[in-house]
Amino acid sequence: MAAKKSEVRLELLLGRKVRAPDGRVAGRLEEFRARRDRDTWEVVEFDLGRTALLERLTIRHIGWVPGKAPAGYRVRWDQLDISDPEHPRLTVPLQELQAIGRR
């Protein structure tokens, strides 16, 4: 059965590089959060970067991620353009995203 126009297969997004509006890579899409709305599921957030990968692998409890830049970003559903699943793009600058991974 074909997906509806408002549907995207999440397995096609996981691991994809997400670019910021300025063309820089913001991180790879590693995790998402969804909520159920009656008979459907809606994605409400995406997580990008190394910390998101560690969360997906359930090893984030180590509490340390190397590097000076934020180890990841939390992205609301409306801050990510997935109309082309092979090339997801942020709709806002990195500075508007919630950084994750620093404790």
N, C-alpha and C. Protein backbone atom coordinates (compact mmCIF):
# COMPACT_ATOMS: atom_id res chain seq x y z
N MET A 1 0.85 -1.17 0.00
CA MET A 1 0.00 0.00 0.00
C MET A 1 0.90 1.24 0.00
N ALA A 2 0.60 2.20 -0.83
CA ALA A 2 1.39 3.43 -0.93
C ALA A 2 1.12 4.33 0.26
N ALA A 3 2.15 5.06 0.67
CA ALA A 3 2.01 5.99 1.79
C ALA A 3 1.22 7.22 1.34
N LYS A 4 0.45 7.77 2.26
CA LYS A 4 -0.26 9.01 1.99
C LYS A 4 0.76 10.11 1.81
N LYS A 5 0.35 11.21 1.17
CA LYS A 5 1.27 12.31 0.93
C LYS A 5 1.84 12.88 2.22
N SER A 6 1.09 12.84 3.30
CA SER A 6 1.57 13.40 4.57
C SER A 6 2.38 12.37 5.37
N GLU A 7 2.65 11.23 4.79
CA GLU A 7 3.39 10.19 5.47
C GLU A 7 4.79 10.04 4.88
N VAL A 8 5.74 9.77 5.76
CA VAL A 8 7.11 9.50 5.35
C VAL A 8 7.57 8.27 6.11
N ARG A 9 8.23 7.38 5.43
CA ARG A 9 8.73 6.18 6.09
C ARG A 9 9.96 6.56 6.91
N LEU A 10 9.87 6.40 8.22
CA LEU A 10 10.93 6.84 9.11
C LEU A 10 12.25 6.11 8.87
N GLU A 11 12.19 4.86 8.47
CA GLU A 11 13.43 4.14 8.23
C GLU A 11 14.23 4.77 7.09
N LEU A 12 13.57 5.53 6.22
CA LEU A 12 14.28 6.23 5.15
C LEU A 12 14.99 7.48 5.66
N LEU A 13 14.57 7.98 6.81
CA LEU A 13 15.17 9.19 7.38
C LEU A 13 16.31 8.90 8.34
N LEU A 14 16.22 7.82 9.10
CA LEU A 14 17.22 7.53 10.12
C LEU A 14 18.62 7.43 9.50
N GLY A 15 19.56 8.13 10.10
CA GLY A 15 20.93 8.13 9.63
C GLY A 15 21.23 9.16 8.56
N ARG A 16 20.22 9.84 8.06
CA ARG A 16 20.43 10.86 7.02
C ARG A 16 21.07 12.11 7.62
N LYS A 17 21.97 12.73 6.86
CA LYS A 17 22.53 14.01 7.27
C LYS A 17 21.45 15.07 7.10
N VAL A 18 21.33 15.92 8.12
CA VAL A 18 20.38 17.02 8.07
C VAL A 18 21.18 18.31 7.92
N ARG A 19 20.81 19.10 6.95
CA ARG A 19 21.53 20.35 6.70
C ARG A 19 20.75 21.54 7.25
N ALA A 20 21.52 22.51 7.75
CA ALA A 20 20.96 23.77 8.23
C ALA A 20 20.68 24.66 7.02
N PRO A 21 19.93 25.74 7.21
CA PRO A 21 19.65 26.65 6.09
C PRO A 21 20.91 27.20 5.41
N ASP A 22 22.01 27.31 6.16
CA ASP A 22 23.26 27.82 5.56
C ASP A 22 24.07 26.73 4.87
N GLY A 23 23.55 25.50 4.82
CA GLY A 23 24.20 24.41 4.12
C GLY A 23 25.08 23.53 4.99
N ARG A 24 25.39 23.98 6.22
CA ARG A 24 26.21 23.16 7.12
C ARG A 24 25.44 21.93 7.56
N VAL A 25 26.18 20.85 7.83
CA VAL A 25 25.54 19.64 8.35
C VAL A 25 25.28 19.85 9.84
N ALA A 26 24.02 19.72 10.24
CA ALA A 26 23.62 19.88 11.65
C ALA A 26 23.83 18.58 12.42
N GLY A 27 23.84 17.47 11.73
CA GLY A 27 23.98 16.16 12.35
C GLY A 27 23.17 15.14 11.59
N ARG A 28 23.35 13.91 11.98
CA ARG A 28 22.53 12.84 11.37
C ARG A 28 21.28 12.65 12.21
N LEU A 29 20.19 12.34 11.53
CA LEU A 29 18.93 12.08 12.22
C LEU A 29 19.02 10.70 12.84
N GLU A 30 19.02 10.65 14.16
CA GLU A 30 19.26 9.39 14.87
C GLU A 30 18.07 8.89 15.68
N GLU A 31 17.16 9.77 16.03
CA GLU A 31 16.07 9.37 16.93
C GLU A 31 14.86 10.25 16.64
N PHE A 32 13.70 9.77 16.99
CA PHE A 32 12.48 10.57 16.87
C PHE A 32 11.54 10.22 18.01
N ARG A 33 10.63 11.14 18.26
CA ARG A 33 9.59 10.91 19.27
C ARG A 33 8.24 11.10 18.60
N ALA A 34 7.33 10.20 18.92
CA ALA A 34 6.00 10.25 18.31
C ALA A 34 4.94 10.14 19.39
N ARG A 35 3.77 10.61 19.06
CA ARG A 35 2.62 10.44 19.95
C ARG A 35 1.46 9.89 19.13
N ARG A 36 0.63 9.15 19.83
CA ARG A 36 -0.52 8.53 19.17
C ARG A 36 -1.70 9.48 19.18
N ASP A 37 -2.35 9.60 18.04
CA ASP A 37 -3.56 10.41 17.91
C ASP A 37 -4.62 9.52 17.28
N ARG A 38 -5.38 8.88 18.15
CA ARG A 38 -6.39 7.90 17.74
C ARG A 38 -5.76 6.76 16.95
N ASP A 39 -5.99 6.71 15.65
CA ASP A 39 -5.51 5.59 14.84
C ASP A 39 -4.17 5.85 14.15
N THR A 40 -3.58 7.01 14.39
CA THR A 40 -2.32 7.34 13.72
C THR A 40 -1.27 7.77 14.74
N TRP A 41 -0.04 7.75 14.30
CA TRP A 41 1.08 8.24 15.08
C TRP A 41 1.61 9.49 14.41
N GLU A 42 1.94 10.50 15.23
CA GLU A 42 2.49 11.75 14.71
C GLU A 42 3.87 11.97 15.33
N VAL A 43 4.85 12.24 14.49
CA VAL A 43 6.18 12.56 14.99
C VAL A 43 6.15 13.99 15.51
N VAL A 44 6.64 14.17 16.74
CA VAL A 44 6.64 15.50 17.35
C VAL A 44 8.04 16.08 17.48
N GLU A 45 9.07 15.23 17.50
CA GLU A 45 10.44 15.70 17.62
C GLU A 45 11.39 14.74 16.93
N PHE A 46 12.50 15.31 16.47
CA PHE A 46 13.59 14.53 15.91
C PHE A 46 14.85 14.89 16.70
N ASP A 47 15.75 13.95 16.88
CA ASP A 47 17.03 14.22 17.53
C ASP A 47 18.15 13.96 16.53
N LEU A 48 19.08 14.90 16.51
CA LEU A 48 20.22 14.83 15.60
C LEU A 48 21.50 14.71 16.39
N GLY A 49 22.49 14.05 15.84
CA GLY A 49 23.84 14.09 16.40
C GLY A 49 24.24 12.89 17.22
N ARG A 50 25.47 13.03 17.78
CA ARG A 50 26.09 11.92 18.51
C ARG A 50 25.30 11.51 19.76
N THR A 51 24.80 12.47 20.51
CA THR A 51 24.06 12.12 21.71
C THR A 51 22.79 11.35 21.36
N ALA A 52 22.14 11.75 20.29
CA ALA A 52 20.93 11.05 19.86
C ALA A 52 21.25 9.61 19.48
N LEU A 53 22.39 9.41 18.82
CA LEU A 53 22.81 8.05 18.49
C LEU A 53 23.05 7.24 19.75
N LEU A 54 23.73 7.84 20.73
CA LEU A 54 23.98 7.12 21.99
C LEU A 54 22.67 6.78 22.69
N GLU A 55 21.69 7.70 22.65
CA GLU A 55 20.38 7.40 23.24
C GLU A 55 19.73 6.23 22.53
N ARG A 56 19.81 6.24 21.21
CA ARG A 56 19.19 5.16 20.44
C ARG A 56 19.84 3.83 20.76
N LEU A 57 21.14 3.86 21.01
CA LEU A 57 21.86 2.63 21.36
C LEU A 57 21.80 2.35 22.86
N THR A 58 21.09 3.18 23.60
CA THR A 58 20.89 3.09 25.06
C THR A 58 22.19 3.10 25.84
N ILE A 59 23.15 3.92 25.41
CA ILE A 59 24.40 4.02 26.16
C ILE A 59 24.71 5.47 26.54
N ARG A 60 23.73 6.35 26.51
CA ARG A 60 23.99 7.74 26.82
C ARG A 60 24.36 7.95 28.28
N HIS A 61 24.02 7.05 29.15
CA HIS A 61 24.27 7.21 30.58
C HIS A 61 25.73 7.45 30.91
N ILE A 62 26.62 7.26 29.94
CA ILE A 62 28.03 7.53 30.21
C ILE A 62 28.26 9.00 30.54
N GLY A 63 27.36 9.89 30.07
CA GLY A 63 27.38 11.29 30.48
C GLY A 63 28.42 12.16 29.82
N TRP A 64 29.20 11.65 28.89
CA TRP A 64 30.23 12.44 28.26
C TRP A 64 30.28 12.14 26.79
N VAL A 65 30.29 13.20 26.00
CA VAL A 65 30.42 13.06 24.56
C VAL A 65 31.55 13.97 24.14
N PRO A 66 32.58 13.45 23.47
CA PRO A 66 33.74 14.28 23.13
C PRO A 66 33.40 15.39 22.14
N GLY A 67 34.20 16.45 22.17
CA GLY A 67 34.04 17.56 21.24
C GLY A 67 33.55 18.81 21.93
N LYS A 68 33.76 19.95 21.28
CA LYS A 68 33.37 21.23 21.86
C LYS A 68 31.98 21.67 21.43
N ALA A 69 31.58 21.30 20.23
CA ALA A 69 30.26 21.70 19.73
C ALA A 69 29.18 20.89 20.45
N PRO A 70 27.94 21.39 20.43
CA PRO A 70 26.86 20.58 21.01
C PRO A 70 26.86 19.20 20.37
N ALA A 71 26.62 18.20 21.18
CA ALA A 71 26.68 16.82 20.70
C ALA A 71 25.41 16.42 19.98
N GLY A 72 24.44 17.30 19.93
CA GLY A 72 23.21 16.99 19.24
C GLY A 72 22.20 18.10 19.39
N TYR A 73 21.12 17.96 18.66
CA TYR A 73 20.04 18.95 18.70
C TYR A 73 18.70 18.25 18.74
N ARG A 74 17.77 18.83 19.46
CA ARG A 74 16.38 18.38 19.46
C ARG A 74 15.63 19.31 18.51
N VAL A 75 14.89 18.73 17.58
CA VAL A 75 14.24 19.47 16.51
C VAL A 75 12.74 19.19 16.54
N ARG A 76 11.93 20.24 16.69
CA ARG A 76 10.47 20.06 16.61
C ARG A 76 10.08 19.65 15.19
N TRP A 77 8.95 19.01 15.07
CA TRP A 77 8.49 18.52 13.76
C TRP A 77 8.40 19.63 12.73
N ASP A 78 8.05 20.84 13.18
CA ASP A 78 7.87 21.96 12.24
C ASP A 78 9.18 22.67 11.92
N GLN A 79 10.29 22.22 12.47
CA GLN A 79 11.59 22.82 12.19
C GLN A 79 12.40 21.98 11.20
N LEU A 80 11.80 20.93 10.69
CA LEU A 80 12.50 20.02 9.78
C LEU A 80 11.67 19.80 8.53
N ASP A 81 12.26 20.10 7.39
CA ASP A 81 11.60 19.89 6.10
C ASP A 81 12.01 18.50 5.60
N ILE A 82 11.04 17.59 5.58
CA ILE A 82 11.32 16.22 5.11
C ILE A 82 10.57 15.93 3.81
N SER A 83 10.25 16.99 3.08
CA SER A 83 9.55 16.78 1.81
C SER A 83 10.40 15.98 0.83
N ASP A 84 11.74 16.05 0.97
CA ASP A 84 12.66 15.20 0.22
C ASP A 84 13.38 14.35 1.27
N PRO A 85 12.89 13.15 1.56
CA PRO A 85 13.46 12.33 2.63
C PRO A 85 14.94 12.03 2.47
N GLU A 86 15.47 12.08 1.27
CA GLU A 86 16.89 11.82 1.06
C GLU A 86 17.75 13.02 1.43
N HIS A 87 17.14 14.20 1.54
CA HIS A 87 17.87 15.43 1.85
C HIS A 87 17.09 16.28 2.85
N PRO A 88 16.92 15.81 4.09
CA PRO A 88 16.17 16.60 5.07
C PRO A 88 16.92 17.90 5.39
N ARG A 89 16.16 18.98 5.60
CA ARG A 89 16.74 20.29 5.86
C ARG A 89 16.02 20.97 7.01
N LEU A 90 16.79 21.67 7.82
CA LEU A 90 16.20 22.48 8.88
C LEU A 90 15.52 23.69 8.26
N THR A 91 14.45 24.14 8.90
CA THR A 91 13.78 25.35 8.44
C THR A 91 14.17 26.56 9.29
N VAL A 92 15.02 26.33 10.29
CA VAL A 92 15.47 27.39 11.19
C VAL A 92 16.99 27.28 11.37
N PRO A 93 17.65 28.37 11.77
CA PRO A 93 19.09 28.29 12.03
C PRO A 93 19.38 27.40 13.25
N LEU A 94 20.60 26.86 13.30
CA LEU A 94 21.00 26.00 14.41
C LEU A 94 20.80 26.67 15.77
N GLN A 95 21.01 27.98 15.83
CA GLN A 95 20.89 28.69 17.11
C GLN A 95 19.48 28.63 17.70
N GLU A 96 18.49 28.32 16.89
CA GLU A 96 17.11 28.24 17.38
C GLU A 96 16.74 26.85 17.89
N LEU A 97 17.65 25.89 17.74
CA LEU A 97 17.37 24.53 18.19
C LEU A 97 17.81 24.33 19.62
N GLN A 98 17.18 23.38 20.28
CA GLN A 98 17.57 23.00 21.63
C GLN A 98 18.77 22.06 21.53
N ALA A 99 19.90 22.47 22.14
CA ALA A 99 21.08 21.62 22.14
C ALA A 99 20.89 20.51 23.16
N ILE A 100 21.36 19.32 22.82
CA ILE A 100 21.33 18.19 23.76
C ILE A 100 22.74 17.63 23.88
N GLY A 101 23.01 16.96 24.95
CA GLY A 101 24.25 16.25 25.08
C GLY A 101 25.27 16.84 26.02
N ARG A 102 25.09 18.05 26.49
CA ARG A 102 26.03 18.62 27.45
C ARG A 102 25.43 18.54 28.83
N ARG A 103 26.21 18.06 29.77
CA ARG A 103 25.74 17.95 31.15
C ARG A 103 26.59 18.79 32.04
